[in-house]
Amino acid sequence: KIVSHAKEYGFVFPSSEIYDGLQAVYDYGPYGAELKKNLKDL
């Protein structure tokens, strides 16, 4: 559920998903990028 939530609501996407993805590589979506930046800044 958490993994599905992360994708559906713009936190984490499989990288290169339109090409069926690249194993163990991920992109951070709009809200994921903000959350990760906040954690790094903190």
Full PDB file with SEQRES, HELIX, SHEET, SSBOND, CRYST1, ORIGX, SCALE, CONECT and MASTER records, all heavy atoms in Angstrom:
SEQRES   1 A   42  LYS ILE VAL SER HIS ALA LYS GLU TYR GLY PHE VAL PHE          
SEQRES   2 A   42  PRO SER SER GLU ILE TYR ASP GLY LEU GLN ALA VAL TYR          
SEQRES   3 A   42  ASP TYR GLY PRO TYR GLY ALA GLU LEU LYS LYS ASN LEU          
SEQRES   4 A   42  LYS ASP LEU                                                  
HELIX    1 AA1 ILE A    2  GLU A    8  1                                   7    
HELIX    2 AA2 GLU A   17  TYR A   19  5                                   3    
HELIX    3 AA3 PRO A   30  ASP A   41  1                                  12    
SHEET    1 AA1 2 VAL A  12  PRO A  14  0                                        
SHEET    2 AA1 2 TYR A  26  TYR A  28 -1                                        
CRYST1    1.000    1.000    1.000  90.00  90.00  90.00 P 1           1          
ORIGX1      1.000000  0.000000  0.000000        0.00000                         
ORIGX2      0.000000  1.000000  0.000000        0.00000                         
ORIGX3      0.000000  0.000000  1.000000        0.00000                         
SCALE1      1.000000  0.000000  0.000000        0.00000                         
SCALE2      0.000000  1.000000  0.000000        0.00000                         
SCALE3      0.000000  0.000000  1.000000        0.00000                         
ATOM      1  N   LYS A   1       0.828  -1.209   0.000  1.00  0.00           N  
ATOM      2  CA  LYS A   1       0.000   0.000   0.000  1.00  0.00           C  
ATOM      3  C   LYS A   1       0.859   1.253   0.000  1.00  0.00           C  
ATOM      4  O   LYS A   1       0.558   2.225  -0.700  1.00  0.00           O  
ATOM      5  CB  LYS A   1      -0.912   0.009   1.236  1.00  0.00           C  
ATOM      6  CG  LYS A   1      -2.047  -0.993   1.203  1.00  0.00           C  
ATOM      7  CD  LYS A   1      -2.866  -0.898   2.493  1.00  0.00           C  
ATOM      8  CE  LYS A   1      -3.987  -1.902   2.544  1.00  0.00           C  
ATOM      9  NZ  LYS A   1      -4.757  -1.799   3.818  1.00  0.00           N  
ATOM     10  N   ILE A   2       1.933   1.242   0.792  1.00  0.00           N  
ATOM     11  CA  ILE A   2       2.807   2.413   0.878  1.00  0.00           C  
ATOM     12  C   ILE A   2       3.505   2.655  -0.454  1.00  0.00           C  
ATOM     13  O   ILE A   2       3.587   3.797  -0.930  1.00  0.00           O  
ATOM     14  CB  ILE A   2       3.830   2.229   2.019  1.00  0.00           C  
ATOM     15  CG1 ILE A   2       3.116   2.249   3.381  1.00  0.00           C  
ATOM     16  CG2 ILE A   2       4.905   3.311   1.973  1.00  0.00           C  
ATOM     17  CD1 ILE A   2       3.979   1.825   4.547  1.00  0.00           C  
ATOM     18  N   VAL A   3       3.993   1.593  -1.078  1.00  0.00           N  
ATOM     19  CA  VAL A   3       4.662   1.719  -2.380  1.00  0.00           C  
ATOM     20  C   VAL A   3       3.677   2.247  -3.422  1.00  0.00           C  
ATOM     21  O   VAL A   3       3.995   3.142  -4.218  1.00  0.00           O  
ATOM     22  CB  VAL A   3       5.259   0.372  -2.819  1.00  0.00           C  
ATOM     23  CG1 VAL A   3       5.792   0.458  -4.243  1.00  0.00           C  
ATOM     24  CG2 VAL A   3       6.367  -0.060  -1.860  1.00  0.00           C  
ATOM     25  N   SER A   4       2.464   1.701  -3.427  1.00  0.00           N  
ATOM     26  CA  SER A   4       1.436   2.148  -4.361  1.00  0.00           C  
ATOM     27  C   SER A   4       1.075   3.613  -4.115  1.00  0.00           C  
ATOM     28  O   SER A   4       0.908   4.397  -5.058  1.00  0.00           O  
ATOM     29  CB  SER A   4       0.192   1.260  -4.219  1.00  0.00           C  
ATOM     30  OG  SER A   4      -0.858   1.716  -5.038  1.00  0.00           O  
ATOM     31  N   HIS A   5       0.961   3.980  -2.853  1.00  0.00           N  
ATOM     32  CA  HIS A   5       0.641   5.361  -2.481  1.00  0.00           C  
ATOM     33  C   HIS A   5       1.718   6.312  -2.980  1.00  0.00           C  
ATOM     34  O   HIS A   5       1.423   7.398  -3.503  1.00  0.00           O  
ATOM     35  CB  HIS A   5       0.512   5.452  -0.959  1.00  0.00           C  
ATOM     36  CG  HIS A   5      -0.061   6.743  -0.478  1.00  0.00           C  
ATOM     37  ND1 HIS A   5      -1.385   6.891  -0.123  1.00  0.00           N  
ATOM     38  CD2 HIS A   5       0.500   7.973  -0.296  1.00  0.00           C  
ATOM     39  CE1 HIS A   5      -1.612   8.127   0.260  1.00  0.00           C  
ATOM     40  NE2 HIS A   5      -0.480   8.808   0.168  1.00  0.00           N  
ATOM     41  N   ALA A   6       2.973   5.899  -2.830  1.00  0.00           N  
ATOM     42  CA  ALA A   6       4.095   6.743  -3.241  1.00  0.00           C  
ATOM     43  C   ALA A   6       4.035   7.063  -4.729  1.00  0.00           C  
ATOM     44  O   ALA A   6       4.319   8.199  -5.153  1.00  0.00           O  
ATOM     45  CB  ALA A   6       5.417   6.060  -2.898  1.00  0.00           C  
ATOM     46  N   LYS A   7       3.640   6.084  -5.533  1.00  0.00           N  
ATOM     47  CA  LYS A   7       3.552   6.313  -6.972  1.00  0.00           C  
ATOM     48  C   LYS A   7       2.306   7.117  -7.339  1.00  0.00           C  
ATOM     49  O   LYS A   7       2.377   8.085  -8.103  1.00  0.00           O  
ATOM     50  CB  LYS A   7       3.545   4.969  -7.721  1.00  0.00           C  
ATOM     51  CG  LYS A   7       3.436   5.148  -9.231  1.00  0.00           C  
ATOM     52  CD  LYS A   7       3.374   3.814  -9.965  1.00  0.00           C  
ATOM     53  CE  LYS A   7       3.178   4.052 -11.459  1.00  0.00           C  
ATOM     54  NZ  LYS A   7       3.042   2.783 -12.208  1.00  0.00           N  
ATOM     55  N   GLU A   8       1.166   6.721  -6.770  1.00  0.00           N  
ATOM     56  CA  GLU A   8      -0.108   7.337  -7.167  1.00  0.00           C  
ATOM     57  C   GLU A   8      -0.174   8.814  -6.812  1.00  0.00           C  
ATOM     58  O   GLU A   8      -0.785   9.613  -7.535  1.00  0.00           O  
ATOM     59  CB  GLU A   8      -1.265   6.593  -6.504  1.00  0.00           C  
ATOM     60  CG  GLU A   8      -2.637   7.086  -6.955  1.00  0.00           C  
ATOM     61  CD  GLU A   8      -3.768   6.234  -6.425  1.00  0.00           C  
ATOM     62  OE1 GLU A   8      -3.486   5.208  -5.752  1.00  0.00           O  
ATOM     63  OE2 GLU A   8      -4.929   6.570  -6.688  1.00  0.00           O  
ATOM     64  N   TYR A   9       0.491   9.198  -5.720  1.00  0.00           N  
ATOM     65  CA  TYR A   9       0.363  10.578  -5.256  1.00  0.00           C  
ATOM     66  C   TYR A   9       1.637  11.403  -5.424  1.00  0.00           C  
ATOM     67  O   TYR A   9       1.852  12.395  -4.736  1.00  0.00           O  
ATOM     68  CB  TYR A   9      -0.136  10.599  -3.811  1.00  0.00           C  
ATOM     69  CG  TYR A   9      -1.541  10.048  -3.737  1.00  0.00           C  
ATOM     70  CD1 TYR A   9      -1.777   8.750  -3.304  1.00  0.00           C  
ATOM     71  CD2 TYR A   9      -2.629  10.802  -4.181  1.00  0.00           C  
ATOM     72  CE1 TYR A   9      -3.059   8.224  -3.292  1.00  0.00           C  
ATOM     73  CE2 TYR A   9      -3.909  10.285  -4.172  1.00  0.00           C  
ATOM     74  CZ  TYR A   9      -4.123   8.999  -3.727  1.00  0.00           C  
ATOM     75  OH  TYR A   9      -5.397   8.481  -3.724  1.00  0.00           O  
ATOM     76  N   GLY A  10       2.481  10.984  -6.366  1.00  0.00           N  
ATOM     77  CA  GLY A  10       3.563  11.854  -6.812  1.00  0.00           C  
ATOM     78  C   GLY A  10       4.780  11.921  -5.916  1.00  0.00           C  
ATOM     79  O   GLY A  10       5.471  12.938  -5.884  1.00  0.00           O  
ATOM     80  N   PHE A  11       5.075  10.826  -5.204  1.00  0.00           N  
ATOM     81  CA  PHE A  11       6.268  10.801  -4.364  1.00  0.00           C  
ATOM     82  C   PHE A  11       7.433  10.095  -5.055  1.00  0.00           C  
ATOM     83  O   PHE A  11       8.527  10.637  -5.132  1.00  0.00           O  
ATOM     84  CB  PHE A  11       5.965  10.130  -3.019  1.00  0.00           C  
ATOM     85  CG  PHE A  11       5.163  11.003  -2.085  1.00  0.00           C  
ATOM     86  CD1 PHE A  11       3.775  11.010  -2.127  1.00  0.00           C  
ATOM     87  CD2 PHE A  11       5.792  11.842  -1.190  1.00  0.00           C  
ATOM     88  CE1 PHE A  11       3.030  11.825  -1.286  1.00  0.00           C  
ATOM     89  CE2 PHE A  11       5.076  12.667  -0.336  1.00  0.00           C  
ATOM     90  CZ  PHE A  11       3.683  12.670  -0.394  1.00  0.00           C  
ATOM     91  N   VAL A  12       7.218   8.883  -5.550  1.00  0.00           N  
ATOM     92  CA  VAL A  12       8.299   8.119  -6.185  1.00  0.00           C  
ATOM     93  C   VAL A  12       7.753   7.384  -7.402  1.00  0.00           C  
ATOM     94  O   VAL A  12       6.710   6.721  -7.308  1.00  0.00           O  
ATOM     95  CB  VAL A  12       8.920   7.097  -5.208  1.00  0.00           C  
ATOM     96  CG1 VAL A  12      10.080   6.356  -5.872  1.00  0.00           C  
ATOM     97  CG2 VAL A  12       9.408   7.779  -3.924  1.00  0.00           C  
ATOM     98  N   PHE A  13       8.468   7.495  -8.521  1.00  0.00           N  
ATOM     99  CA  PHE A  13       8.097   6.790  -9.753  1.00  0.00           C  
ATOM    100  C   PHE A  13       9.220   5.832 -10.159  1.00  0.00           C  
ATOM    101  O   PHE A  13      10.398   6.146  -9.946  1.00  0.00           O  
ATOM    102  CB  PHE A  13       7.898   7.769 -10.925  1.00  0.00           C  
ATOM    103  CG  PHE A  13       6.921   8.872 -10.666  1.00  0.00           C  
ATOM    104  CD1 PHE A  13       7.231  10.181 -11.027  1.00  0.00           C  
ATOM    105  CD2 PHE A  13       5.696   8.631 -10.084  1.00  0.00           C  
ATOM    106  CE1 PHE A  13       6.332  11.217 -10.808  1.00  0.00           C  
ATOM    107  CE2 PHE A  13       4.790   9.650  -9.855  1.00  0.00           C  
ATOM    108  CZ  PHE A  13       5.113  10.949 -10.219  1.00  0.00           C  
ATOM    109  N   PRO A  14       8.887   4.691 -10.771  1.00  0.00           N  
ATOM    110  CA  PRO A  14       9.940   3.867 -11.375  1.00  0.00           C  
ATOM    111  C   PRO A  14      10.632   4.665 -12.484  1.00  0.00           C  
ATOM    112  O   PRO A  14       9.972   5.327 -13.282  1.00  0.00           O  
ATOM    113  CB  PRO A  14       9.176   2.670 -11.952  1.00  0.00           C  
ATOM    114  CG  PRO A  14       7.868   2.652 -11.214  1.00  0.00           C  
ATOM    115  CD  PRO A  14       7.551   4.090 -10.905  1.00  0.00           C  
ATOM    116  N   SER A  15      11.952   4.617 -12.517  1.00  0.00           N  
ATOM    117  CA  SER A  15      12.688   5.384 -13.523  1.00  0.00           C  
ATOM    118  C   SER A  15      12.456   4.811 -14.921  1.00  0.00           C  
ATOM    119  O   SER A  15      12.351   3.591 -15.081  1.00  0.00           O  
ATOM    120  CB  SER A  15      14.186   5.362 -13.206  1.00  0.00           C  
ATOM    121  OG  SER A  15      14.913   6.109 -14.148  1.00  0.00           O  
ATOM    122  N   SER A  16      12.342   5.684 -15.898  1.00  0.00           N  
ATOM    123  CA  SER A  16      12.176   5.280 -17.308  1.00  0.00           C  
ATOM    124  C   SER A  16      10.976   4.354 -17.488  1.00  0.00           C  
ATOM    125  O   SER A  16      11.018   3.400 -18.271  1.00  0.00           O  
ATOM    126  CB  SER A  16      13.434   4.573 -17.832  1.00  0.00           C  
ATOM    127  OG  SER A  16      14.606   5.243 -17.449  1.00  0.00           O  
ATOM    128  N   GLU A  17       9.900   4.654 -16.790  1.00  0.00           N  
ATOM    129  CA  GLU A  17       8.766   3.730 -16.754  1.00  0.00           C  
ATOM    130  C   GLU A  17       8.149   3.525 -18.138  1.00  0.00           C  
ATOM    131  O   GLU A  17       7.646   2.435 -18.436  1.00  0.00           O  
ATOM    132  CB  GLU A  17       7.709   4.225 -15.771  1.00  0.00           C  
ATOM    133  CG  GLU A  17       6.607   3.209 -15.531  1.00  0.00           C  
ATOM    134  CD  GLU A  17       5.633   3.639 -14.447  1.00  0.00           C  
ATOM    135  OE1 GLU A  17       5.577   4.849 -14.141  1.00  0.00           O  
ATOM    136  OE2 GLU A  17       4.908   2.775 -13.928  1.00  0.00           O  
ATOM    137  N   ILE A  18       8.178   4.528 -18.986  1.00  0.00           N  
ATOM    138  CA  ILE A  18       7.584   4.357 -20.323  1.00  0.00           C  
ATOM    139  C   ILE A  18       8.363   3.339 -21.152  1.00  0.00           C  
ATOM    140  O   ILE A  18       7.859   2.841 -22.160  1.00  0.00           O  
ATOM    141  CB  ILE A  18       7.471   5.698 -21.085  1.00  0.00           C  
ATOM    142  CG1 ILE A  18       8.847   6.312 -21.346  1.00  0.00           C  
ATOM    143  CG2 ILE A  18       6.565   6.671 -20.345  1.00  0.00           C  
ATOM    144  CD1 ILE A  18       8.819   7.507 -22.289  1.00  0.00           C  
ATOM    145  N   TYR A  19       9.599   3.023 -20.722  1.00  0.00           N  
ATOM    146  CA  TYR A  19      10.387   1.966 -21.367  1.00  0.00           C  
ATOM    147  C   TYR A  19      10.433   0.713 -20.496  1.00  0.00           C  
ATOM    148  O   TYR A  19      11.384  -0.067 -20.557  1.00  0.00           O  
ATOM    149  CB  TYR A  19      11.810   2.456 -21.644  1.00  0.00           C  
ATOM    150  CG  TYR A  19      11.862   3.585 -22.639  1.00  0.00           C  
ATOM    151  CD1 TYR A  19      12.079   4.888 -22.217  1.00  0.00           C  
ATOM    152  CD2 TYR A  19      11.659   3.350 -24.000  1.00  0.00           C  
ATOM    153  CE1 TYR A  19      12.110   5.940 -23.126  1.00  0.00           C  
ATOM    154  CE2 TYR A  19      11.689   4.394 -24.912  1.00  0.00           C  
ATOM    155  CZ  TYR A  19      11.911   5.681 -24.472  1.00  0.00           C  
ATOM    156  OH  TYR A  19      11.945   6.707 -25.383  1.00  0.00           O  
ATOM    157  N   ASP A  20       9.418   0.548 -19.658  1.00  0.00           N  
ATOM    158  CA  ASP A  20       9.309  -0.594 -18.748  1.00  0.00           C  
ATOM    159  C   ASP A  20      10.289  -0.524 -17.590  1.00  0.00           C  
ATOM    160  O   ASP A  20      10.523  -1.523 -16.905  1.00  0.00           O  
ATOM    161  CB  ASP A  20       9.472  -1.931 -19.493  1.00  0.00           C  
ATOM    162  CG  ASP A  20       8.366  -2.151 -20.521  1.00  0.00           C  
ATOM    163  OD1 ASP A  20       7.227  -1.734 -20.242  1.00  0.00           O  
ATOM    164  OD2 ASP A  20       8.667  -2.716 -21.586  1.00  0.00           O  
ATOM    165  N   GLY A  21      10.866   0.642 -17.352  1.00  0.00           N  
ATOM    166  CA  GLY A  21      11.649   0.872 -16.153  1.00  0.00           C  
ATOM    167  C   GLY A  21      13.051   0.308 -16.207  1.00  0.00           C  
ATOM    168  O   GLY A  21      13.448  -0.406 -17.134  1.00  0.00           O  
ATOM    169  N   LEU A  22      13.826   0.678 -15.170  1.00  0.00           N  
ATOM    170  CA  LEU A  22      15.182   0.180 -14.986  1.00  0.00           C  
ATOM    171  C   LEU A  22      15.247  -0.321 -13.550  1.00  0.00           C  
ATOM    172  O   LEU A  22      14.959   0.436 -12.612  1.00  0.00           O  
ATOM    173  CB  LEU A  22      16.202   1.305 -15.214  1.00  0.00           C  
ATOM    174  CG  LEU A  22      17.677   0.934 -15.139  1.00  0.00           C  
ATOM    175  CD1 LEU A  22      18.027  -0.071 -16.245  1.00  0.00           C  
ATOM    176  CD2 LEU A  22      18.546   2.174 -15.271  1.00  0.00           C  
ATOM    177  N   GLN A  23      15.603  -1.575 -13.386  1.00  0.00           N  
ATOM    178  CA  GLN A  23      15.516  -2.205 -12.070  1.00  0.00           C  
ATOM    179  C   GLN A  23      16.332  -1.446 -11.024  1.00  0.00           C  
ATOM    180  O   GLN A  23      17.487  -1.085 -11.243  1.00  0.00           O  
ATOM    181  CB  GLN A  23      16.002  -3.648 -12.138  1.00  0.00           C  
ATOM    182  CG  GLN A  23      15.773  -4.408 -10.834  1.00  0.00           C  
ATOM    183  CD  GLN A  23      16.287  -5.831 -10.893  1.00  0.00           C  
ATOM    184  OE1 GLN A  23      17.076  -6.179 -11.754  1.00  0.00           O  
ATOM    185  NE2 GLN A  23      15.848  -6.663  -9.968  1.00  0.00           N  
ATOM    186  N   ALA A  24      15.680  -1.205  -9.886  1.00  0.00           N  
ATOM    187  CA  ALA A  24      16.327  -0.602  -8.716  1.00  0.00           C  
ATOM    188  C   ALA A  24      16.806   0.821  -8.948  1.00  0.00           C  
ATOM    189  O   ALA A  24      17.763   1.278  -8.336  1.00  0.00           O  
ATOM    190  CB  ALA A  24      17.483  -1.471  -8.243  1.00  0.00           C  
ATOM    191  N   VAL A  25      16.146   1.528  -9.849  1.00  0.00           N  
ATOM    192  CA  VAL A  25      16.408   2.955 -10.058  1.00  0.00           C  
ATOM    193  C   VAL A  25      15.054   3.663 -10.026  1.00  0.00           C  
ATOM    194  O   VAL A  25      14.109   3.222 -10.680  1.00  0.00           O  
ATOM    195  CB  VAL A  25      17.125   3.228 -11.398  1.00  0.00           C  
ATOM    196  CG1 VAL A  25      17.463   4.710 -11.517  1.00  0.00           C  
ATOM    197  CG2 VAL A  25      18.388   2.387 -11.522  1.00  0.00           C  
ATOM    198  N   TYR A  26      14.971   4.756  -9.269  1.00  0.00           N  
ATOM    199  CA  TYR A  26      13.694   5.443  -9.078  1.00  0.00           C  
ATOM    200  C   TYR A  26      13.854   6.947  -9.227  1.00  0.00           C  
ATOM    201  O   TYR A  26      14.932   7.500  -9.022  1.00  0.00           O  
ATOM    202  CB  TYR A  26      13.118   5.140  -7.682  1.00  0.00           C  
ATOM    203  CG  TYR A  26      12.670   3.705  -7.516  1.00  0.00           C  
ATOM    204  CD1 TYR A  26      13.558   2.734  -7.056  1.00  0.00           C  
ATOM    205  CD2 TYR A  26      11.368   3.321  -7.834  1.00  0.00           C  
ATOM    206  CE1 TYR A  26      13.146   1.415  -6.919  1.00  0.00           C  
ATOM    207  CE2 TYR A  26      10.961   2.006  -7.692  1.00  0.00           C  
ATOM    208  CZ  TYR A  26      11.855   1.050  -7.236  1.00  0.00           C  
ATOM    209  OH  TYR A  26      11.453  -0.259  -7.105  1.00  0.00           O  
ATOM    210  N   ASP A  27      12.751   7.587  -9.623  1.00  0.00           N  
ATOM    211  CA  ASP A  27      12.686   9.044  -9.725  1.00  0.00           C  
ATOM    212  C   ASP A  27      11.757   9.573  -8.638  1.00  0.00           C  
ATOM    213  O   ASP A  27      10.739   8.938  -8.319  1.00  0.00           O  
ATOM    214  CB  ASP A  27      12.134   9.468 -11.097  1.00  0.00           C  
ATOM    215  CG  ASP A  27      12.988   8.960 -12.254  1.00  0.00           C  
ATOM    216  OD1 ASP A  27      14.204   8.790 -12.057  1.00  0.00           O  
ATOM    217  OD2 ASP A  27      12.431   8.725 -13.346  1.00  0.00           O  
ATOM    218  N   TYR A  28      12.088  10.726  -8.105  1.00  0.00           N  
ATOM    219  CA  TYR A  28      11.241  11.357  -7.096  1.00  0.00           C  
ATOM    220  C   TYR A  28      10.305  12.346  -7.781  1.00  0.00           C  
ATOM    221  O   TYR A  28      10.756  13.221  -8.522  1.00  0.00           O  
ATOM    222  CB  TYR A  28      12.092  12.059  -6.036  1.00  0.00           C  
ATOM    223  CG  TYR A  28      12.734  11.079  -5.080  1.00  0.00           C  
ATOM    224  CD1 TYR A  28      13.924  10.432  -5.403  1.00  0.00           C  
ATOM    225  CD2 TYR A  28      12.130  10.764  -3.869  1.00  0.00           C  
ATOM    226  CE1 TYR A  28      14.498   9.512  -4.538  1.00  0.00           C  
ATOM    227  CE2 TYR A  28      12.699   9.848  -2.988  1.00  0.00           C  
ATOM    228  CZ  TYR A  28      13.884   9.221  -3.333  1.00  0.00           C  
ATOM    229  OH  TYR A  28      14.441   8.303  -2.479  1.00  0.00           O  
ATOM    230  N   GLY A  29       8.999  12.172  -7.536  1.00  0.00           N  
ATOM    231  CA  GLY A  29       7.988  13.032  -8.127  1.00  0.00           C  
ATOM    232  C   GLY A  29       7.901  14.375  -7.415  1.00  0.00           C  
ATOM    233  O   GLY A  29       8.709  14.692  -6.537  1.00  0.00           O  
ATOM    234  N   PRO A  30       6.906  15.185  -7.779  1.00  0.00           N  
ATOM    235  CA  PRO A  30       6.806  16.550  -7.233  1.00  0.00           C  
ATOM    236  C   PRO A  30       6.806  16.607  -5.708  1.00  0.00           C  
ATOM    237  O   PRO A  30       7.515  17.426  -5.121  1.00  0.00           O  
ATOM    238  CB  PRO A  30       5.474  17.055  -7.803  1.00  0.00           C  
ATOM    239  CG  PRO A  30       5.258  16.254  -9.039  1.00  0.00           C  
ATOM    240  CD  PRO A  30       5.838  14.903  -8.768  1.00  0.00           C  
ATOM    241  N   TYR A  31       6.035  15.747  -5.068  1.00  0.00           N  
ATOM    242  CA  TYR A  31       5.961  15.796  -3.605  1.00  0.00           C  
ATOM    243  C   TYR A  31       7.113  15.031  -2.961  1.00  0.00           C  
ATOM    244  O   TYR A  31       7.590  15.398  -1.891  1.00  0.00           O  
ATOM    245  CB  TYR A  31       4.599  15.290  -3.128  1.00  0.00           C  
ATOM    246  CG  TYR A  31       3.467  16.051  -3.763  1.00  0.00           C  
ATOM    247  CD1 TYR A  31       2.508  15.416  -4.548  1.00  0.00           C  
ATOM    248  CD2 TYR A  31       3.387  17.438  -3.629  1.00  0.00           C  
ATOM    249  CE1 TYR A  31       1.494  16.133  -5.168  1.00  0.00           C  
ATOM    250  CE2 TYR A  31       2.374  18.158  -4.245  1.00  0.00           C  
ATOM    251  CZ  TYR A  31       1.436  17.507  -5.015  1.00  0.00           C  
ATOM    252  OH  TYR A  31       0.438  18.219  -5.632  1.00  0.00           O  
ATOM    253  N   GLY A  32       7.576  13.998  -3.639  1.00  0.00           N  
ATOM    254  CA  GLY A  32       8.738  13.271  -3.134  1.00  0.00           C  
ATOM    255  C   GLY A  32       9.986  14.118  -3.164  1.00  0.00           C  
ATOM    256  O   GLY A  32      10.804  14.090  -2.234  1.00  0.00           O  
ATOM    257  N   ALA A  33      10.160  14.890  -4.238  1.00  0.00           N  
ATOM    258  CA  ALA A  33      11.337  15.758  -4.337  1.00  0.00           C  
ATOM    259  C   ALA A  33      11.344  16.797  -3.220  1.00  0.00           C  
ATOM    260  O   ALA A  33      12.387  17.100  -2.633  1.00  0.00           O  
ATOM    261  CB  ALA A  33      11.371  16.440  -5.706  1.00  0.00           C  
ATOM    262  N   GLU A  34      10.162  17.334  -2.910  1.00  0.00           N  
ATOM    263  CA  GLU A  34      10.061  18.326  -1.827  1.00  0.00           C  
ATOM    264  C   GLU A  34      10.354  17.690  -0.468  1.00  0.00           C  
ATOM    265  O   GLU A  34      11.092  18.253   0.347  1.00  0.00           O  
ATOM    266  CB  GLU A  34       8.662  18.954  -1.816  1.00  0.00           C  
ATOM    267  CG  GLU A  34       8.399  19.941  -2.940  1.00  0.00           C  
ATOM    268  CD  GLU A  34       9.115  21.265  -2.743  1.00  0.00           C  
ATOM    269  OE1 GLU A  34       9.545  21.558  -1.605  1.00  0.00           O  
ATOM    270  OE2 GLU A  34       9.251  22.008  -3.725  1.00  0.00           O  
ATOM    271  N   LEU A  35       9.772  16.518  -0.215  1.00  0.00           N  
ATOM    272  CA  LEU A  35       9.981  15.847   1.065  1.00  0.00           C  
ATOM    273  C   LEU A  35      11.450  15.476   1.243  1.00  0.00           C  
ATOM    274  O   LEU A  35      12.040  15.689   2.316  1.00  0.00           O  
ATOM    275  CB  LEU A  35       9.099  14.600   1.158  1.00  0.00           C  
ATOM    276  CG  LEU A  35       9.292  13.714   2.399  1.00  0.00           C  
ATOM    277  CD1 LEU A  35       9.101  14.505   3.687  1.00  0.00           C  
ATOM    278  CD2 LEU A  35       8.347  12.513   2.356  1.00  0.00           C  
ATOM    279  N   LYS A  36      12.058  14.947   0.188  1.00  0.00           N  
ATOM    280  CA  LYS A  36      13.468  14.560   0.282  1.00  0.00           C  
ATOM    281  C   LYS A  36      14.354  15.783   0.506  1.00  0.00           C  
ATOM    282  O   LYS A  36      15.300  15.748   1.307  1.00  0.00           O  
ATOM    283  CB  LYS A  36      13.890  13.820  -0.989  1.00  0.00           C  
ATOM    284  CG  LYS A  36      15.272  13.186  -0.891  1.00  0.00           C  
ATOM    285  CD  LYS A  36      15.618  12.441  -2.162  1.00  0.00           C  
ATOM    286  CE  LYS A  36      16.971  11.761  -2.049  1.00  0.00           C  
ATOM    287  NZ  LYS A  36      17.394  11.130  -3.316  1.00  0.00           N  
ATOM    288  N   LYS A  37      14.057  16.868  -0.173  1.00  0.00           N  
ATOM    289  CA  LYS A  37      14.831  18.095   0.018  1.00  0.00           C  
ATOM    290  C   LYS A  37      14.690  18.607   1.448  1.00  0.00           C  
ATOM    291  O   LYS A  37      15.666  19.049   2.065  1.00  0.00           O  
ATOM    292  CB  LYS A  37      14.380  19.173  -0.972  1.00  0.00           C  
ATOM    293  CG  LYS A  37      15.154  20.483  -0.857  1.00  0.00           C  
ATOM    294  CD  LYS A  37      14.665  21.529  -1.830  1.00  0.00           C  
ATOM    295  CE  LYS A  37      15.515  22.799  -1.737  1.00  0.00           C  
ATOM    296  NZ  LYS A  37      15.522  23.402  -0.384  1.00  0.00           N  
ATOM    297  N   ASN A  38      13.477  18.550   1.993  1.00  0.00           N  
ATOM    298  CA  ASN A  38      13.263  18.991   3.370  1.00  0.00           C  
ATOM    299  C   ASN A  38      14.071  18.153   4.356  1.00  0.00           C  
ATOM    300  O   ASN A  38      14.632  18.682   5.322  1.00  0.00           O  
ATOM    301  CB  ASN A  38      11.776  18.934   3.726  1.00  0.00           C  
ATOM    302  CG  ASN A  38      10.953  19.966   2.974  1.00  0.00           C  
ATOM    303  OD1 ASN A  38      11.495  20.923   2.434  1.00  0.00           O  
ATOM    304  ND2 ASN A  38       9.652  19.773   2.919  1.00  0.00           N  
ATOM    305  N   LEU A  39      14.136  16.851   4.114  1.00  0.00           N  
ATOM    306  CA  LEU A  39      14.919  15.974   4.982  1.00  0.00           C  
ATOM    307  C   LEU A  39      16.408  16.280   4.878  1.00  0.00           C  
ATOM    308  O   LEU A  39      17.121  16.327   5.893  1.00  0.00           O  
ATOM    309  CB  LEU A  39      14.655  14.503   4.619  1.00  0.00           C  
ATOM    310  CG  LEU A  39      13.289  13.947   5.024  1.00  0.00           C  
ATOM    311  CD1 LEU A  39      13.005  12.634   4.295  1.00  0.00           C  
ATOM    312  CD2 LEU A  39      13.222  13.728   6.535  1.00  0.00           C  
ATOM    313  N   LYS A  40      16.876  16.494   3.655  1.00  0.00           N  
ATOM    314  CA  LYS A  40      18.301  16.805   3.469  1.00  0.00           C  
ATOM    315  C   LYS A  40      18.652  18.157   4.088  1.00  0.00           C  
ATOM    316  O   LYS A  40      19.705  18.303   4.729  1.00  0.00           O  
ATOM    317  CB  LYS A  40      18.659  16.781   1.979  1.00  0.00           C  
ATOM    318  CG  LYS A  40      18.612  15.391   1.359  1.00  0.00           C  
ATOM    319  CD  LYS A  40      19.245  15.335  -0.016  1.00  0.00           C  
ATOM    320  CE  LYS A  40      18.515  16.178  -1.034  1.00  0.00           C  
ATOM    321  NZ  LYS A  40      19.112  16.071  -2.382  1.00  0.00           N  
ATOM    322  N   ASP A  41      17.789  19.132   3.887  1.00  0.00           N  
ATOM    323  CA  ASP A  41      18.040  20.457   4.464  1.00  0.00           C  
ATOM    324  C   ASP A  41      18.079  20.388   5.986  1.00  0.00           C  
ATOM    325  O   ASP A  41      18.916  21.040   6.629  1.00  0.00           O  
ATOM    326  CB  ASP A  41      16.959  21.446   4.027  1.00  0.00           C  
ATOM    327  CG  ASP A  41      17.094  21.862   2.565  1.00  0.00           C  
ATOM    328  OD1 ASP A  41      18.145  21.566   1.955  1.00  0.00           O  
ATOM    329  OD2 ASP A  41      16.144  22.471   2.038  1.00  0.00           O  
ATOM    330  N   LEU A  42      17.177  19.603   6.557  1.00  0.00           N  
ATOM    331  CA  LEU A  42      17.138  19.472   8.013  1.00  0.00           C  
ATOM    332  C   LEU A  42      18.418  18.820   8.526  1.00  0.00           C  
ATOM    333  O   LEU A  42      18.998  19.271   9.522  1.00  0.00           O  
ATOM    334  CB  LEU A  42      15.921  18.646   8.430  1.00  0.00           C  
ATOM    335  CG  LEU A  42      15.769  18.412   9.933  1.00  0.00           C  
ATOM    336  CD1 LEU A  42      15.473  19.720  10.656  1.00  0.00           C  
ATOM    337  CD2 LEU A  42      14.664  17.400  10.209  1.00  0.00           C  
TER     338      LEU A  42                                                      
MASTER        0    0    0    3    2    0    0    6  337    1    0    4          
END                                                                             
